[in-house]
Amino acid sequence: MFDGRINFYAGEKKYIDIDVVPKNRNDTVVVSSATYQLLNGETAVEAGGCEIDGAHLKILLGIDDEGAYTLKVTVVIGAETFIQKATVVVEG
């Protein structure tokens, strides 16, 4: 899904787009549910459901305070649950 770093400026509000890609490119992925948490350490500062369109997810994030956060996305596909994380860095 995603890994790495997502950059924001304090006060920005923007969509994070995620494409769920199967290991076998010939397979079809249908996401049945997806949620996210924006964590500051172990504390959730924002959480909610992702917008789902087949294998495409959208998350609208708005972050006002500078710092490094963790975006944790939980995706359910059939009987499997996948969790991915990325670092969100917010600068002034």
PDB file of N, CA and C in Angstrom:
ATOM      1  N   MET A   1       0.839  -1.193   0.000  1.00  0.00           N
ATOM      2  CA  MET A   1       0.000   0.000   0.000  1.00  0.00           C
ATOM      3  C   MET A   1       0.879   1.249   0.000  1.00  0.00           C
ATOM      4  N   PHE A   2       1.480   1.561   1.127  1.00  0.00           N
ATOM      5  CA  PHE A   2       2.379   2.705   1.174  1.00  0.00           C
ATOM      6  C   PHE A   2       3.375   2.522   2.304  1.00  0.00           C
ATOM      7  N   ASP A   3       4.456   3.170   2.169  1.00  0.00           N
ATOM      8  CA  ASP A   3       5.487   3.219   3.200  1.00  0.00           C
ATOM      9  C   ASP A   3       6.184   4.548   3.034  1.00  0.00           C
ATOM     10  N   GLY A   4       6.911   4.924   4.051  1.00  0.00           N
ATOM     11  CA  GLY A   4       7.725   6.109   3.893  1.00  0.00           C
ATOM     12  C   GLY A   4       7.203   7.311   4.626  1.00  0.00           C
ATOM     13  N   ARG A   5       7.315   8.462   3.967  1.00  0.00           N
ATOM     14  CA  ARG A   5       7.084   9.744   4.607  1.00  0.00           C
ATOM     15  C   ARG A   5       6.091  10.566   3.798  1.00  0.00           C
ATOM     16  N   ILE A   6       5.182  11.219   4.515  1.00  0.00           N
ATOM     17  CA  ILE A   6       4.206  12.121   3.911  1.00  0.00           C
ATOM     18  C   ILE A   6       4.446  13.492   4.535  1.00  0.00           C
ATOM     19  N   ASN A   7       4.599  14.506   3.699  1.00  0.00           N
ATOM     20  CA  ASN A   7       4.911  15.851   4.193  1.00  0.00           C
ATOM     21  C   ASN A   7       3.679  16.744   4.180  1.00  0.00           C
ATOM     22  N   PHE A   8       3.541  17.518   5.249  1.00  0.00           N
ATOM     23  CA  PHE A   8       2.470  18.509   5.404  1.00  0.00           C
ATOM     24  C   PHE A   8       3.084  19.806   5.912  1.00  0.00           C
ATOM     25  N   TYR A   9       2.374  20.894   5.678  1.00  0.00           N
ATOM     26  CA  TYR A   9       2.635  22.147   6.390  1.00  0.00           C
ATOM     27  C   TYR A   9       1.507  22.315   7.401  1.00  0.00           C
ATOM     28  N   ALA A  10       1.818  22.868   8.553  1.00  0.00           N
ATOM     29  CA  ALA A  10       0.820  23.079   9.596  1.00  0.00           C
ATOM     30  C   ALA A  10      -0.360  23.864   9.021  1.00  0.00           C
ATOM     31  N   GLY A  11      -1.565  23.380   9.280  1.00  0.00           N
ATOM     32  CA  GLY A  11      -2.772  24.038   8.800  1.00  0.00           C
ATOM     33  C   GLY A  11      -3.291  23.495   7.480  1.00  0.00           C
ATOM     34  N   GLU A  12      -2.500  22.684   6.792  1.00  0.00           N
ATOM     35  CA  GLU A  12      -2.963  22.103   5.535  1.00  0.00           C
ATOM     36  C   GLU A  12      -4.048  21.060   5.796  1.00  0.00           C
ATOM     37  N   LYS A  13      -4.916  20.907   4.830  1.00  0.00           N
ATOM     38  CA  LYS A  13      -5.926  19.857   4.836  1.00  0.00           C
ATOM     39  C   LYS A  13      -5.911  19.276   3.430  1.00  0.00           C
ATOM     40  N   LYS A  14      -5.521  17.989   3.322  1.00  0.00           N
ATOM     41  CA  LYS A  14      -5.424  17.409   1.981  1.00  0.00           C
ATOM     42  C   LYS A  14      -5.688  15.908   2.029  1.00  0.00           C
ATOM     43  N   TYR A  15      -6.002  15.378   0.841  1.00  0.00           N
ATOM     44  CA  TYR A  15      -6.272  13.951   0.705  1.00  0.00           C
ATOM     45  C   TYR A  15      -4.979  13.167   0.574  1.00  0.00           C
ATOM     46  N   ILE A  16      -4.973  12.011   1.227  1.00  0.00           N
ATOM     47  CA  ILE A  16      -3.936  11.008   1.038  1.00  0.00           C
ATOM     48  C   ILE A  16      -4.599   9.898   0.225  1.00  0.00           C
ATOM     49  N   ASP A  17      -4.054   9.592  -0.948  1.00  0.00           N
ATOM     50  CA  ASP A  17      -4.593   8.558  -1.817  1.00  0.00           C
ATOM     51  C   ASP A  17      -3.747   7.293  -1.695  1.00  0.00           C
ATOM     52  N   ILE A  18      -4.416   6.158  -1.553  1.00  0.00           N
ATOM     53  CA  ILE A  18      -3.735   4.879  -1.394  1.00  0.00           C
ATOM     54  C   ILE A  18      -4.353   3.881  -2.362  1.00  0.00           C
ATOM     55  N   ASP A  19      -3.512   3.238  -3.160  1.00  0.00           N
ATOM     56  CA  ASP A  19      -3.969   2.164  -4.032  1.00  0.00           C
ATOM     57  C   ASP A  19      -3.523   0.841  -3.435  1.00  0.00           C
ATOM     58  N   VAL A  20      -4.468  -0.055  -3.231  1.00  0.00           N
ATOM     59  CA  VAL A  20      -4.172  -1.386  -2.713  1.00  0.00           C
ATOM     60  C   VAL A  20      -3.899  -2.276  -3.920  1.00  0.00           C
ATOM     61  N   VAL A  21      -2.671  -2.791  -3.993  1.00  0.00           N
ATOM     62  CA  VAL A  21      -2.235  -3.564  -5.148  1.00  0.00           C
ATOM     63  C   VAL A  21      -1.967  -5.006  -4.705  1.00  0.00           C
ATOM     64  N   PRO A  22      -2.582  -5.984  -5.385  1.00  0.00           N
ATOM     65  CA  PRO A  22      -2.348  -7.381  -5.003  1.00  0.00           C
ATOM     66  C   PRO A  22      -0.940  -7.834  -5.395  1.00  0.00           C
ATOM     67  N   LYS A  23      -0.440  -8.846  -4.689  1.00  0.00           N
ATOM     68  CA  LYS A  23       0.876  -9.404  -5.028  1.00  0.00           C
ATOM     69  C   LYS A  23       0.865  -9.940  -6.450  1.00  0.00           C
ATOM     70  N   ASN A  24      -0.214 -10.629  -6.811  1.00  0.00           N
ATOM     71  CA  ASN A  24      -0.382 -11.121  -8.166  1.00  0.00           C
ATOM     72  C   ASN A  24      -1.200 -10.078  -8.930  1.00  0.00           C
ATOM     73  N   ARG A  25      -0.597  -9.407  -9.860  1.00  0.00           N
ATOM     74  CA  ARG A  25      -1.246  -8.301 -10.573  1.00  0.00           C
ATOM     75  C   ARG A  25      -2.510  -8.720 -11.318  1.00  0.00           C
ATOM     76  N   ASN A  26      -2.693 -10.023 -11.546  1.00  0.00           N
ATOM     77  CA  ASN A  26      -3.893 -10.504 -12.243  1.00  0.00           C
ATOM     78  C   ASN A  26      -5.086 -10.649 -11.313  1.00  0.00           C
ATOM     79  N   ASP A  27      -4.857 -10.596 -10.000  1.00  0.00           N
ATOM     80  CA  ASP A  27      -5.937 -10.721  -9.026  1.00  0.00           C
ATOM     81  C   ASP A  27      -6.681  -9.393  -8.887  1.00  0.00           C
ATOM     82  N   THR A  28      -7.944  -9.487  -8.494  1.00  0.00           N
ATOM     83  CA  THR A  28      -8.755  -8.305  -8.239  1.00  0.00           C
ATOM     84  C   THR A  28      -8.876  -8.116  -6.729  1.00  0.00           C
ATOM     85  N   VAL A  29      -8.710  -6.888  -6.284  1.00  0.00           N
ATOM     86  CA  VAL A  29      -8.825  -6.565  -4.862  1.00  0.00           C
ATOM     87  C   VAL A  29     -10.101  -5.774  -4.635  1.00  0.00           C
ATOM     88  N   VAL A  30     -10.881  -6.218  -3.654  1.00  0.00           N
ATOM     89  CA  VAL A  30     -12.053  -5.460  -3.234  1.00  0.00           C
ATOM     90  C   VAL A  30     -11.925  -5.238  -1.732  1.00  0.00           C
ATOM     91  N   VAL A  31     -11.745  -3.997  -1.345  1.00  0.00           N
ATOM     92  CA  VAL A  31     -11.603  -3.641   0.063  1.00  0.00           C
ATOM     93  C   VAL A  31     -12.990  -3.577   0.679  1.00  0.00           C
ATOM     94  N   SER A  32     -13.226  -4.361   1.743  1.00  0.00           N
ATOM     95  CA  SER A  32     -14.544  -4.345   2.380  1.00  0.00           C
ATOM     96  C   SER A  32     -14.645  -3.274   3.455  1.00  0.00           C
ATOM     97  N   SER A  33     -13.521  -2.955   4.122  1.00  0.00           N
ATOM     98  CA  SER A  33     -13.518  -1.841   5.074  1.00  0.00           C
ATOM     99  C   SER A  33     -12.096  -1.335   5.261  1.00  0.00           C
ATOM    100  N   ALA A  34     -11.983  -0.078   5.644  1.00  0.00           N
ATOM    101  CA  ALA A  34     -10.671   0.533   5.886  1.00  0.00           C
ATOM    102  C   ALA A  34     -10.839   1.703   6.853  1.00  0.00           C
ATOM    103  N   THR A  35      -9.972   1.742   7.842  1.00  0.00           N
ATOM    104  CA  THR A  35      -9.973   2.824   8.828  1.00  0.00           C
ATOM    105  C   THR A  35      -8.568   3.367   8.980  1.00  0.00           C
ATOM    106  N   TYR A  36      -8.478   4.559   9.580  1.00  0.00           N
ATOM    107  CA  TYR A  36      -7.157   5.144   9.816  1.00  0.00           C
ATOM    108  C   TYR A  36      -7.102   5.756  11.205  1.00  0.00           C
ATOM    109  N   GLN A  37      -5.885   5.874  11.706  1.00  0.00           N
ATOM    110  CA  GLN A  37      -5.591   6.619  12.922  1.00  0.00           C
ATOM    111  C   GLN A  37      -4.363   7.463  12.645  1.00  0.00           C
ATOM    112  N   LEU A  38      -4.396   8.713  13.063  1.00  0.00           N
ATOM    113  CA  LEU A  38      -3.223   9.569  13.049  1.00  0.00           C
ATOM    114  C   LEU A  38      -2.734   9.638  14.484  1.00  0.00           C
ATOM    115  N   LEU A  39      -1.552   9.098  14.719  1.00  0.00           N
ATOM    116  CA  LEU A  39      -1.034   8.946  16.073  1.00  0.00           C
ATOM    117  C   LEU A  39       0.093   9.919  16.357  1.00  0.00           C
ATOM    118  N   ASN A  40       0.051  10.498  17.550  1.00  0.00           N
ATOM    119  CA  ASN A  40       1.165  11.275  18.091  1.00  0.00           C
ATOM    120  C   ASN A  40       1.686  10.451  19.252  1.00  0.00           C
ATOM    121  N   GLY A  41       2.743   9.685  19.010  1.00  0.00           N
ATOM    122  CA  GLY A  41       3.167   8.685  19.980  1.00  0.00           C
ATOM    123  C   GLY A  41       2.135   7.572  19.976  1.00  0.00           C
ATOM    124  N   GLU A  42       1.544   7.299  21.121  1.00  0.00           N
ATOM    125  CA  GLU A  42       0.499   6.272  21.227  1.00  0.00           C
ATOM    126  C   GLU A  42      -0.907   6.879  21.253  1.00  0.00           C
ATOM    127  N   THR A  43      -0.992   8.220  21.195  1.00  0.00           N
ATOM    128  CA  THR A  43      -2.269   8.917  21.297  1.00  0.00           C
ATOM    129  C   THR A  43      -2.848   9.212  19.920  1.00  0.00           C
ATOM    130  N   ALA A  44      -4.086   8.800  19.690  1.00  0.00           N
ATOM    131  CA  ALA A  44      -4.765   9.106  18.430  1.00  0.00           C
ATOM    132  C   ALA A  44      -5.242  10.553  18.457  1.00  0.00           C
ATOM    133  N   VAL A  45      -4.770  11.354  17.504  1.00  0.00           N
ATOM    134  CA  VAL A  45      -5.212  12.746  17.410  1.00  0.00           C
ATOM    135  C   VAL A  45      -6.301  12.924  16.352  1.00  0.00           C
ATOM    136  N   GLU A  46      -6.454  11.900  15.513  1.00  0.00           N
ATOM    137  CA  GLU A  46      -7.502  11.912  14.497  1.00  0.00           C
ATOM    138  C   GLU A  46      -7.744  10.450  14.105  1.00  0.00           C
ATOM    139  N   ALA A  47      -8.979  10.095  13.819  1.00  0.00           N
ATOM    140  CA  ALA A  47      -9.305   8.728  13.412  1.00  0.00           C
ATOM    141  C   ALA A  47     -10.599   8.749  12.624  1.00  0.00           C
ATOM    142  N   GLY A  48     -10.775   7.732  11.782  1.00  0.00           N
ATOM    143  CA  GLY A  48     -12.016   7.651  11.034  1.00  0.00           C
ATOM    144  C   GLY A  48     -11.970   6.583   9.973  1.00  0.00           C
ATOM    145  N   GLY A  49     -12.987   6.589   9.143  1.00  0.00           N
ATOM    146  CA  GLY A  49     -13.071   5.644   8.042  1.00  0.00           C
ATOM    147  C   GLY A  49     -12.470   6.227   6.781  1.00  0.00           C
ATOM    148  N   CYS A  50     -11.931   5.361   5.951  1.00  0.00           N
ATOM    149  CA  CYS A  50     -11.391   5.780   4.658  1.00  0.00           C
ATOM    150  C   CYS A  50     -12.516   5.756   3.629  1.00  0.00           C
ATOM    151  N   GLU A  51     -12.436   6.626   2.652  1.00  0.00           N
ATOM    152  CA  GLU A  51     -13.323   6.532   1.498  1.00  0.00           C
ATOM    153  C   GLU A  51     -12.809   5.380   0.652  1.00  0.00           C
ATOM    154  N   ILE A  52     -13.705   4.471   0.246  1.00  0.00           N
ATOM    155  CA  ILE A  52     -13.304   3.277  -0.493  1.00  0.00           C
ATOM    156  C   ILE A  52     -13.962   3.275  -1.869  1.00  0.00           C
ATOM    157  N   ASP A  53     -13.136   3.038  -2.886  1.00  0.00           N
ATOM    158  CA  ASP A  53     -13.620   2.869  -4.254  1.00  0.00           C
ATOM    159  C   ASP A  53     -12.876   1.677  -4.844  1.00  0.00           C
ATOM    160  N   GLY A  54     -13.421   0.469  -4.635  1.00  0.00           N
ATOM    161  CA  GLY A  54     -12.753  -0.751  -5.100  1.00  0.00           C
ATOM    162  C   GLY A  54     -11.473  -0.996  -4.329  1.00  0.00           C
ATOM    163  N   ALA A  55     -10.336  -0.763  -4.990  1.00  0.00           N
ATOM    164  CA  ALA A  55      -9.028  -0.945  -4.360  1.00  0.00           C
ATOM    165  C   ALA A  55      -8.342   0.388  -4.099  1.00  0.00           C
ATOM    166  N   HIS A  56      -9.099   1.478  -4.196  1.00  0.00           N
ATOM    167  CA  HIS A  56      -8.544   2.821  -3.980  1.00  0.00           C
ATOM    168  C   HIS A  56      -9.121   3.404  -2.690  1.00  0.00           C
ATOM    169  N   LEU A  57      -8.239   3.930  -1.841  1.00  0.00           N
ATOM    170  CA  LEU A  57      -8.643   4.536  -0.576  1.00  0.00           C
ATOM    171  C   LEU A  57      -8.267   6.004  -0.568  1.00  0.00           C
ATOM    172  N   LYS A  58      -9.094   6.817   0.095  1.00  0.00           N
ATOM    173  CA  LYS A  58      -8.795   8.239   0.292  1.00  0.00           C
ATOM    174  C   LYS A  58      -9.009   8.576   1.755  1.00  0.00           C
ATOM    175  N   ILE A  59      -8.070   9.361   2.283  1.00  0.00           N
ATOM    176  CA  ILE A  59      -8.147   9.839   3.661  1.00  0.00           C
ATOM    177  C   ILE A  59      -7.949  11.346   3.617  1.00  0.00           C
ATOM    178  N   LEU A  60      -8.858  12.104   4.208  1.00  0.00           N
ATOM    179  CA  LEU A  60      -8.710  13.544   4.300  1.00  0.00           C
ATOM    180  C   LEU A  60      -8.113  13.877   5.664  1.00  0.00           C
ATOM    181  N   LEU A  61      -6.873  14.389   5.643  1.00  0.00           N
ATOM    182  CA  LEU A  61      -6.185  14.753   6.883  1.00  0.00           C
ATOM    183  C   LEU A  61      -6.046  16.261   6.987  1.00  0.00           C
ATOM    184  N   GLY A  62      -6.218  16.773   8.194  1.00  0.00           N
ATOM    185  CA  GLY A  62      -5.967  18.177   8.496  1.00  0.00           C
ATOM    186  C   GLY A  62      -5.166  18.250   9.774  1.00  0.00           C
ATOM    187  N   ILE A  63      -3.963  18.778   9.681  1.00  0.00           N
ATOM    188  CA  ILE A  63      -3.065  18.783  10.837  1.00  0.00           C
ATOM    189  C   ILE A  63      -2.613  20.212  11.111  1.00  0.00           C
ATOM    190  N   ASP A  64      -2.853  20.673  12.342  1.00  0.00           N
ATOM    191  CA  ASP A  64      -2.515  22.051  12.698  1.00  0.00           C
ATOM    192  C   ASP A  64      -1.182  22.187  13.428  1.00  0.00           C
ATOM    193  N   ASP A  65      -0.749  21.147  14.106  1.00  0.00           N
ATOM    194  CA  ASP A  65       0.446  21.246  14.951  1.00  0.00           C
ATOM    195  C   ASP A  65       1.651  20.588  14.296  1.00  0.00           C
ATOM    196  N   GLU A  66       2.793  21.256  14.395  1.00  0.00           N
ATOM    197  CA  GLU A  66       4.042  20.717  13.860  1.00  0.00           C
ATOM    198  C   GLU A  66       4.442  19.451  14.618  1.00  0.00           C
ATOM    199  N   GLY A  67       5.185  18.591  13.951  1.00  0.00           N
ATOM    200  CA  GLY A  67       5.702  17.399  14.602  1.00  0.00           C
ATOM    201  C   GLY A  67       5.710  16.210  13.668  1.00  0.00           C
ATOM    202  N   ALA A  68       6.092  15.066  14.219  1.00  0.00           N
ATOM    203  CA  ALA A  68       6.107  13.813  13.468  1.00  0.00           C
ATOM    204  C   ALA A  68       4.983  12.930  14.002  1.00  0.00           C
ATOM    205  N   TYR A  69       4.167  12.428  13.116  1.00  0.00           N
ATOM    206  CA  TYR A  69       3.027  11.597  13.443  1.00  0.00           C
ATOM    207  C   TYR A  69       3.156  10.260  12.714  1.00  0.00           C
ATOM    208  N   THR A  70       2.347   9.301  13.127  1.00  0.00           N
ATOM    209  CA  THR A  70       2.260   8.027  12.423  1.00  0.00           C
ATOM    210  C   THR A  70       0.846   7.877  11.889  1.00  0.00           C
ATOM    211  N   LEU A  71       0.737   7.635  10.593  1.00  0.00           N
ATOM    212  CA  LEU A  71      -0.552   7.327   9.980  1.00  0.00           C
ATOM    213  C   LEU A  71      -0.656   5.813   9.907  1.00  0.00           C
ATOM    214  N   LYS A  72      -1.633   5.256  10.609  1.00  0.00           N
ATOM    215  CA  LYS A  72      -1.853   3.812  10.657  1.00  0.00           C
ATOM    216  C   LYS A  72      -3.157   3.506   9.941  1.00  0.00           C
ATOM    217  N   VAL A  73      -3.075   2.697   8.876  1.00  0.00           N
ATOM    218  CA  VAL A  73      -4.245   2.354   8.078  1.00  0.00           C
ATOM    219  C   VAL A  73      -4.501   0.854   8.203  1.00  0.00           C
ATOM    220  N   THR A  74      -5.735   0.510   8.556  1.00  0.00           N
ATOM    221  CA  THR A  74      -6.147  -0.890   8.692  1.00  0.00           C
ATOM    222  C   THR A  74      -7.134  -1.201   7.579  1.00  0.00           C
ATOM    223  N   VAL A  75      -6.808  -2.211   6.773  1.00  0.00           N
ATOM    224  CA  VAL A  75      -7.595  -2.552   5.593  1.00  0.00           C
ATOM    225  C   VAL A  75      -8.054  -4.010   5.699  1.00  0.00           C
ATOM    226  N   VAL A  76      -9.359  -4.227   5.465  1.00  0.00           N
ATOM    227  CA  VAL A  76      -9.906  -5.576   5.463  1.00  0.00           C
ATOM    228  C   VAL A  76     -10.253  -5.957   4.022  1.00  0.00           C
ATOM    229  N   ILE A  77      -9.675  -7.103   3.594  1.00  0.00           N
ATOM    230  CA  ILE A  77      -9.935  -7.655   2.266  1.00  0.00           C
ATOM    231  C   ILE A  77     -10.307  -9.114   2.477  1.00  0.00           C
ATOM    232  N   GLY A  78     -11.571  -9.443   2.275  1.00  0.00           N
ATOM    233  CA  GLY A  78     -12.024 -10.805   2.530  1.00  0.00           C
ATOM    234  C   GLY A  78     -11.833 -11.156   3.994  1.00  0.00           C
ATOM    235  N   ALA A  79     -11.161 -12.290   4.255  1.00  0.00           N
ATOM    236  CA  ALA A  79     -10.921 -12.745   5.626  1.00  0.00           C
ATOM    237  C   ALA A  79      -9.630 -12.175   6.210  1.00  0.00           C
ATOM    238  N   GLU A  80      -8.877 -11.404   5.413  1.00  0.00           N
ATOM    239  CA  GLU A  80      -7.577 -10.895   5.852  1.00  0.00           C
ATOM    240  C   GLU A  80      -7.650  -9.438   6.281  1.00  0.00           C
ATOM    241  N   THR A  81      -6.819  -9.101   7.267  1.00  0.00           N
ATOM    242  CA  THR A  81      -6.682  -7.716   7.732  1.00  0.00           C
ATOM    243  C   THR A  81      -5.222  -7.311   7.589  1.00  0.00           C
ATOM    244  N   PHE A  82      -4.984  -6.169   6.948  1.00  0.00           N
ATOM    245  CA  PHE A  82      -3.640  -5.654   6.728  1.00  0.00           C
ATOM    246  C   PHE A  82      -3.496  -4.312   7.428  1.00  0.00           C
ATOM    247  N   ILE A  83      -2.342  -4.077   8.027  1.00  0.00           N
ATOM    248  CA  ILE A  83      -2.053  -2.802   8.677  1.00  0.00           C
ATOM    249  C   ILE A  83      -0.773  -2.236   8.074  1.00  0.00           C
ATOM    250  N   GLN A  84      -0.854  -0.990   7.639  1.00  0.00           N
ATOM    251  CA  GLN A  84       0.306  -0.291   7.091  1.00  0.00           C
ATOM    252  C   GLN A  84       0.484   1.016   7.843  1.00  0.00           C
ATOM    253  N   LYS A  85       1.737   1.450   7.955  1.00  0.00           N
ATOM    254  CA  LYS A  85       2.038   2.704   8.643  1.00  0.00           C
ATOM    255  C   LYS A  85       2.950   3.563   7.782  1.00  0.00           C
ATOM    256  N   ALA A  86       2.813   4.858   7.945  1.00  0.00           N
ATOM    257  CA  ALA A  86       3.695   5.829   7.316  1.00  0.00           C
ATOM    258  C   ALA A  86       3.928   6.965   8.288  1.00  0.00           C
ATOM    259  N   THR A  87       5.046   7.630   8.148  1.00  0.00           N
ATOM    260  CA  THR A  87       5.362   8.795   8.971  1.00  0.00           C
ATOM    261  C   THR A  87       4.818  10.044   8.281  1.00  0.00           C
ATOM    262  N   VAL A  88       4.122  10.870   9.057  1.00  0.00           N
ATOM    263  CA  VAL A  88       3.623  12.154   8.555  1.00  0.00           C
ATOM    264  C   VAL A  88       4.404  13.241   9.292  1.00  0.00           C
ATOM    265  N   VAL A  89       5.123  14.064   8.507  1.00  0.00           N
ATOM    266  CA  VAL A  89       5.920  15.130   9.094  1.00  0.00           C
ATOM    267  C   VAL A  89       5.249  16.460   8.778  1.00  0.00           C
ATOM    268  N   VAL A  90       4.965  17.218   9.843  1.00  0.00           N
ATOM    269  CA  VAL A  90       4.290  18.506   9.708  1.00  0.00           C
ATOM    270  C   VAL A  90       5.258  19.608  10.088  1.00  0.00           C
ATOM    271  N   GLU A  91       5.502  20.518   9.146  1.00  0.00           N
ATOM    272  CA  GLU A  91       6.413  21.644   9.361  1.00  0.00           C
ATOM    273  C   GLU A  91       5.618  22.944   9.422  1.00  0.00           C
ATOM    274  N   GLY A  92       6.212  23.956  10.032  1.00  0.00           N
ATOM    275  CA  GLY A  92       5.556  25.252  10.172  1.00  0.00           C
ATOM    276  C   GLY A  92       5.590  26.087   8.938  1.00  0.00           C
TER     277      GLY A  92
END
